[in-house]
Amino acid sequence: QQISWTPLLVLGYLFYLLLGAMVFQLLEKQAETHFRDQFQMEKLKFLQNYTCLDRQALERFVQVLMEAWEKGVNPEGNSTNPSNWDFSNSFFFAGTVVTTIGYGNLSPSTVAGQIFCVFYALFGVPLNLAFLNQLGKGLNAHLITLERWVQKPGRAQVQLTIFLTAGTLLFLVFPPLVFSYVEGWSYGEGFYFTFITLSTIGFGDYVVGTNPNKHYIPVYRSLTAIWIVFGLAWLALVFNVGADLMEKFLQLKWHKPDLSLAEGATIKLEDEPEQPRIHIPS
């Protein structure tokens, strides 16, 4: 007899969102209030030191700074700052569009650029998904499929450990060291940027190659974009495995196993050829 676990999954999902909201509010709201009060104090000090300005003039200047930042212009430095739309940066931006990372620190400001971006994403996002799917199959080709791991659980643990360890080192552990060195971030900030990027969350609070006080090699952001693509494929596989494991856990927990069905599924699994997609054994 089967018990539907879909309502439980919905409730668990909503609970997870509510839990996240409460924790983020607890951790961040007080700090936000502190920074807001500090900013208001700085504005008052600025007006006291420069009496030729009034509050309205200062607020207009702050608005200009905000608009410049929204357009991708860093208020720091001067007009000699590198362009956000040279080829390397444009290549990086194109990658953030088709991968749906969307940092938000840079976006098209012209009508033509915005229209092109819509159609570019319309065809680019499916193309990117197809490319990542093929890349994932290529990664799977170098692994023993999990169907065969059912028969050899010892090798399963070894292969899965190698896959997770190598990918973690290559995409999550070593890159923050590079970003810390080049960008001047702490390792924790570099790791935060790495995961937020590869998971396509992309807040935009940390973006590589945007510090006007640093000199970057021309291909720095292009190489970063290539790293992102392969990292996306690896992390997508990890997320897929995690999602399948979670589904299997729920099915095992809330479904009463049917031995006849399980035996039939085992026979079918042995007769079928290997599939490129990752499956999680029950």
Protein backbone atom coordinates (compact mmCIF):
# COMPACT_ATOMS: atom_id res chain seq x y z
CA GLN A 1 0.00 0.00 0.00
CA GLN A 2 1.44 3.34 -1.08
CA ILE A 3 1.32 6.50 0.95
CA SER A 4 1.49 9.73 -1.02
CA TRP A 5 4.54 11.69 0.10
CA THR A 6 3.87 14.65 -2.22
CA PRO A 7 1.97 16.67 0.45
CA LEU A 8 4.79 15.95 2.91
CA LEU A 9 7.33 17.16 0.36
CA VAL A 10 5.33 20.35 -0.21
CA LEU A 11 5.09 20.99 3.53
CA GLY A 12 8.77 20.24 3.98
CA TYR A 13 9.66 22.62 1.14
CA LEU A 14 7.56 25.43 2.60
CA PHE A 15 9.01 24.77 6.06
CA TYR A 16 12.54 24.98 4.61
CA LEU A 17 11.73 28.35 3.04
CA LEU A 18 10.22 29.66 6.28
CA LEU A 19 13.22 28.41 8.25
CA GLY A 20 15.60 30.14 5.83
CA ALA A 21 13.62 33.37 6.04
CA MET A 22 13.74 33.40 9.84
CA VAL A 23 17.47 32.62 10.00
CA PHE A 24 18.40 35.22 7.38
CA GLN A 25 16.27 37.81 9.16
CA LEU A 26 17.92 36.97 12.47
CA LEU A 27 21.44 37.15 11.03
CA GLU A 28 21.14 40.12 8.67
CA LYS A 29 18.47 42.55 9.85
CA GLN A 30 20.45 43.98 12.78
CA ALA A 31 23.56 44.43 10.62
CA GLU A 32 21.46 46.20 7.96
CA THR A 33 20.07 48.58 10.58
CA HIS A 34 23.60 49.30 11.81
CA PHE A 35 24.88 50.07 8.30
CA ARG A 36 21.86 52.24 7.52
CA ASP A 37 22.36 54.31 10.69
CA GLN A 38 26.08 54.56 9.96
CA PHE A 39 25.39 55.80 6.44
CA GLN A 40 22.97 58.44 7.69
CA MET A 41 25.60 59.63 10.20
CA GLU A 42 28.17 59.89 7.42
CA LYS A 43 25.80 62.02 5.36
CA LEU A 44 25.21 64.34 8.33
CA LYS A 45 28.95 64.67 8.91
CA PHE A 46 29.47 65.42 5.22
CA LEU A 47 26.85 68.20 5.32
CA GLN A 48 28.43 69.66 8.46
CA ASN A 49 31.88 69.73 6.88
CA TYR A 50 30.67 71.16 3.57
CA THR A 51 28.12 73.80 4.50
CA CYS A 52 27.81 74.98 0.88
CA LEU A 53 25.75 71.86 0.20
CA ASP A 54 22.22 71.23 1.36
CA ARG A 55 20.52 67.91 1.96
CA GLN A 56 18.69 67.92 -1.38
CA ALA A 57 21.93 68.42 -3.32
CA LEU A 58 23.56 65.58 -1.44
CA GLU A 59 20.59 63.27 -2.04
CA ARG A 60 20.73 64.07 -5.77
CA PHE A 61 24.42 63.19 -5.83
CA VAL A 62 23.74 59.92 -4.02
CA GLN A 63 21.07 59.15 -6.61
CA VAL A 64 23.58 59.80 -9.39
CA LEU A 65 26.00 57.36 -7.74
CA MET A 66 23.28 54.71 -7.46
CA GLU A 67 22.28 55.11 -11.10
CA ALA A 68 25.92 54.86 -12.17
CA TRP A 69 26.31 51.63 -10.18
CA GLU A 70 23.12 50.18 -11.67
CA LYS A 71 24.50 50.90 -15.15
CA GLY A 72 27.68 49.02 -14.32
CA VAL A 73 29.86 52.10 -13.83
CA ASN A 74 32.02 51.85 -10.72
CA PRO A 75 31.94 55.23 -8.91
CA GLU A 76 35.48 54.62 -7.63
CA GLY A 77 38.46 55.63 -9.70
CA ASN A 78 38.19 57.88 -12.76
CA SER A 79 37.30 57.80 -16.45
CA THR A 80 40.35 55.67 -17.24
CA ASN A 81 38.74 52.62 -15.60
CA PRO A 82 38.58 49.63 -17.97
CA SER A 83 35.36 49.30 -19.95
CA ASN A 84 32.74 46.85 -18.74
CA TRP A 85 32.00 46.02 -22.36
CA ASP A 86 35.38 45.11 -23.81
CA PHE A 87 35.47 41.67 -25.44
CA SER A 88 36.63 39.77 -22.35
CA ASN A 89 33.97 41.32 -20.12
CA SER A 90 31.31 40.93 -22.82
CA PHE A 91 32.23 37.25 -23.18
CA PHE A 92 31.87 36.83 -19.43
CA PHE A 93 28.50 38.62 -19.49
CA ALA A 94 27.24 36.41 -22.33
CA GLY A 95 28.15 33.39 -20.22
CA THR A 96 26.19 34.70 -17.24
CA VAL A 97 23.16 35.17 -19.50
CA VAL A 98 22.98 31.70 -21.04
CA THR A 99 23.82 30.00 -17.71
CA THR A 100 21.11 32.08 -15.98
CA ILE A 101 23.57 33.17 -13.27
CA GLY A 102 22.67 36.84 -13.79
CA TYR A 103 24.85 38.58 -11.21
CA GLY A 104 22.89 41.82 -11.58
CA ASN A 105 25.93 44.10 -11.37
CA LEU A 106 25.87 44.66 -15.14
CA SER A 107 23.06 44.72 -17.66
CA PRO A 108 22.33 46.23 -21.09
CA SER A 109 21.36 49.89 -20.87
CA THR A 110 20.33 50.46 -24.50
CA VAL A 111 16.99 49.38 -25.91
CA ALA A 112 18.74 47.50 -28.71
CA GLY A 113 20.96 45.72 -26.18
CA GLN A 114 17.99 44.76 -24.02
CA ILE A 115 16.00 43.38 -26.98
CA PHE A 116 19.03 41.44 -28.19
CA CYS A 117 19.57 40.08 -24.68
CA VAL A 118 16.01 38.71 -24.59
CA PHE A 119 16.39 36.79 -27.86
CA TYR A 120 19.96 35.80 -27.04
CA ALA A 121 18.75 34.21 -23.80
CA LEU A 122 15.70 32.70 -25.51
CA PHE A 123 17.91 30.56 -27.73
CA GLY A 124 21.02 30.54 -25.54
CA VAL A 125 19.51 29.05 -22.39
CA PRO A 126 18.20 25.88 -24.14
CA LEU A 127 21.52 25.62 -26.01
CA ASN A 128 23.39 25.88 -22.72
CA LEU A 129 21.19 23.19 -21.14
CA ALA A 130 21.80 20.88 -24.10
CA PHE A 131 25.54 21.54 -23.89
CA LEU A 132 25.65 20.90 -20.14
CA ASN A 133 23.63 17.71 -20.67
CA GLN A 134 26.16 16.43 -23.20
CA LEU A 135 29.01 17.51 -20.96
CA GLY A 136 27.41 15.64 -18.09
CA LYS A 137 27.14 12.52 -20.26
CA GLY A 138 30.81 12.88 -21.06
CA LEU A 139 31.64 13.00 -17.38
CA ASN A 140 29.43 9.97 -16.78
CA ALA A 141 31.28 8.05 -19.50
CA HIS A 142 34.35 8.04 -17.28
CA LEU A 143 32.41 6.62 -14.36
CA ILE A 144 30.80 3.26 -13.71
CA THR A 145 27.06 3.83 -14.01
CA LEU A 146 25.15 3.52 -10.80
CA GLU A 147 23.16 0.59 -12.20
CA ARG A 148 26.36 -1.48 -12.23
CA TRP A 149 27.24 -0.12 -8.80
CA VAL A 150 24.21 -1.97 -7.48
CA GLN A 151 25.98 -5.21 -8.30
CA LYS A 152 29.35 -4.00 -6.96
CA PRO A 153 28.61 -1.75 -3.99
CA GLY A 154 32.27 -1.74 -2.96
CA ARG A 155 33.35 -0.14 -6.24
CA ALA A 156 30.43 2.23 -5.99
CA GLN A 157 31.82 3.84 -2.88
CA VAL A 158 35.32 4.13 -4.38
CA GLN A 159 34.16 5.61 -7.69
CA LEU A 160 31.70 8.00 -6.08
CA THR A 161 34.35 9.12 -3.58
CA ILE A 162 36.85 9.80 -6.38
CA PHE A 163 34.24 11.69 -8.41
CA LEU A 164 33.14 13.87 -5.52
CA THR A 165 36.67 14.46 -4.19
CA ALA A 166 38.20 15.38 -7.55
CA GLY A 167 35.32 17.67 -8.44
CA THR A 168 35.32 19.33 -5.04
CA LEU A 169 39.04 20.06 -5.25
CA LEU A 170 38.91 21.24 -8.87
CA PHE A 171 35.78 23.38 -8.68
CA LEU A 172 35.25 24.34 -5.03
CA VAL A 173 38.56 24.19 -3.13
CA PHE A 174 41.32 25.39 -5.48
CA PRO A 175 39.46 28.21 -7.34
CA PRO A 176 38.91 30.28 -4.16
CA LEU A 177 42.69 30.27 -3.66
CA VAL A 178 43.10 31.84 -7.10
CA PHE A 179 40.31 34.36 -6.53
CA SER A 180 41.70 35.25 -3.11
CA TYR A 181 45.11 35.97 -4.66
CA VAL A 182 43.86 37.91 -7.68
CA GLU A 183 40.92 39.77 -6.12
CA GLY A 184 42.28 40.26 -2.61
CA TRP A 185 39.34 38.42 -1.03
CA SER A 186 39.57 36.16 1.97
CA TYR A 187 39.36 32.44 1.27
CA GLY A 188 35.85 32.38 2.77
CA GLU A 189 34.72 35.13 0.40
CA GLY A 190 36.28 33.27 -2.54
CA PHE A 191 34.54 30.03 -1.57
CA TYR A 192 31.25 31.90 -1.14
CA PHE A 193 31.60 33.42 -4.63
CA THR A 194 32.51 30.03 -6.10
CA PHE A 195 29.48 28.19 -4.76
CA ILE A 196 27.01 31.03 -5.36
CA THR A 197 28.23 31.20 -8.96
CA LEU A 198 28.29 27.48 -9.79
CA SER A 199 24.86 26.99 -8.25
CA THR A 200 23.60 29.80 -10.58
CA ILE A 201 22.28 31.77 -7.59
CA GLY A 202 24.49 34.70 -8.59
CA PHE A 203 23.74 37.49 -6.12
CA GLY A 204 26.28 39.84 -7.68
CA ASP A 205 27.79 41.01 -4.40
CA TYR A 206 31.08 39.39 -5.45
CA VAL A 207 32.08 39.40 -9.12
CA VAL A 208 35.54 38.74 -10.52
CA GLY A 209 37.44 41.36 -12.47
CA THR A 210 35.52 44.42 -11.27
CA ASN A 211 38.02 46.12 -8.94
CA PRO A 212 39.19 49.35 -10.66
CA ASN A 213 42.35 49.42 -8.54
CA LYS A 214 43.61 46.09 -9.89
CA HIS A 215 45.15 45.23 -13.23
CA TYR A 216 43.74 42.02 -14.68
CA ILE A 217 45.14 40.02 -17.57
CA PRO A 218 42.83 40.30 -20.61
CA VAL A 219 41.75 36.64 -20.58
CA TYR A 220 41.09 36.48 -16.83
CA ARG A 221 37.30 36.74 -17.03
CA SER A 222 37.14 34.59 -20.17
CA LEU A 223 39.01 31.80 -18.38
CA THR A 224 36.69 32.25 -15.42
CA ALA A 225 33.69 31.84 -17.74
CA ILE A 226 35.09 28.55 -19.05
CA TRP A 227 35.69 27.33 -15.50
CA ILE A 228 32.09 28.24 -14.66
CA VAL A 229 30.71 26.12 -17.52
CA PHE A 230 32.55 22.95 -16.46
CA GLY A 231 31.80 23.67 -12.80
CA LEU A 232 28.12 24.00 -13.59
CA ALA A 233 28.11 20.58 -15.25
CA TRP A 234 29.81 18.95 -12.26
CA LEU A 235 27.67 20.62 -9.62
CA ALA A 236 24.52 19.87 -11.62
CA LEU A 237 25.43 16.18 -11.45
CA VAL A 238 25.97 16.46 -7.71
CA PHE A 239 22.63 18.22 -7.26
CA ASN A 240 20.95 15.59 -9.45
CA VAL A 241 22.37 12.80 -7.31
CA GLY A 242 21.25 14.62 -4.16
CA ALA A 243 17.73 15.14 -5.53
CA ASP A 244 17.45 11.48 -6.56
CA LEU A 245 18.70 10.35 -3.17
CA MET A 246 16.13 12.56 -1.46
CA GLU A 247 13.34 11.19 -3.62
CA LYS A 248 14.45 7.62 -2.95
CA PHE A 249 14.59 8.34 0.77
CA LEU A 250 11.03 9.67 0.76
CA GLN A 251 9.77 6.74 -1.31
CA LEU A 252 11.45 4.22 0.97
CA LYS A 253 10.19 5.98 4.07
CA TRP A 254 6.56 6.44 3.04
CA HIS A 255 5.97 3.58 0.59
CA LYS A 256 5.48 0.02 1.65
CA PRO A 257 7.79 -2.03 -0.60
CA ASP A 258 6.20 -4.47 -3.03
CA LEU A 259 8.54 -7.46 -3.36
CA SER A 260 7.12 -8.63 -6.69
CA LEU A 261 7.57 -5.20 -8.23
CA ALA A 262 11.09 -4.91 -6.81
CA GLU A 263 12.06 -8.30 -8.34
CA GLY A 264 10.63 -7.26 -11.71
CA ALA A 265 12.53 -4.00 -11.60
CA THR A 266 15.76 -5.87 -10.84
CA ILE A 267 15.29 -8.21 -13.80
CA LYS A 268 14.56 -5.26 -16.09
CA LEU A 269 17.62 -3.41 -14.83
CA GLU A 270 19.90 -6.36 -15.65
CA ASP A 271 18.46 -6.72 -19.17
CA GLU A 272 18.66 -3.04 -20.09
CA PRO A 273 21.88 -1.58 -21.55
CA GLU A 274 23.77 1.12 -19.70
CA GLN A 275 22.17 4.54 -19.76
CA PRO A 276 24.22 7.75 -19.74
CA ARG A 277 22.05 9.47 -17.17
CA ILE A 278 22.82 8.99 -13.51
CA HIS A 279 20.33 6.86 -11.58
CA ILE A 280 20.31 6.16 -7.87
CA PRO A 281 19.68 2.57 -6.81
CA SER A 282 17.00 1.93 -4.24
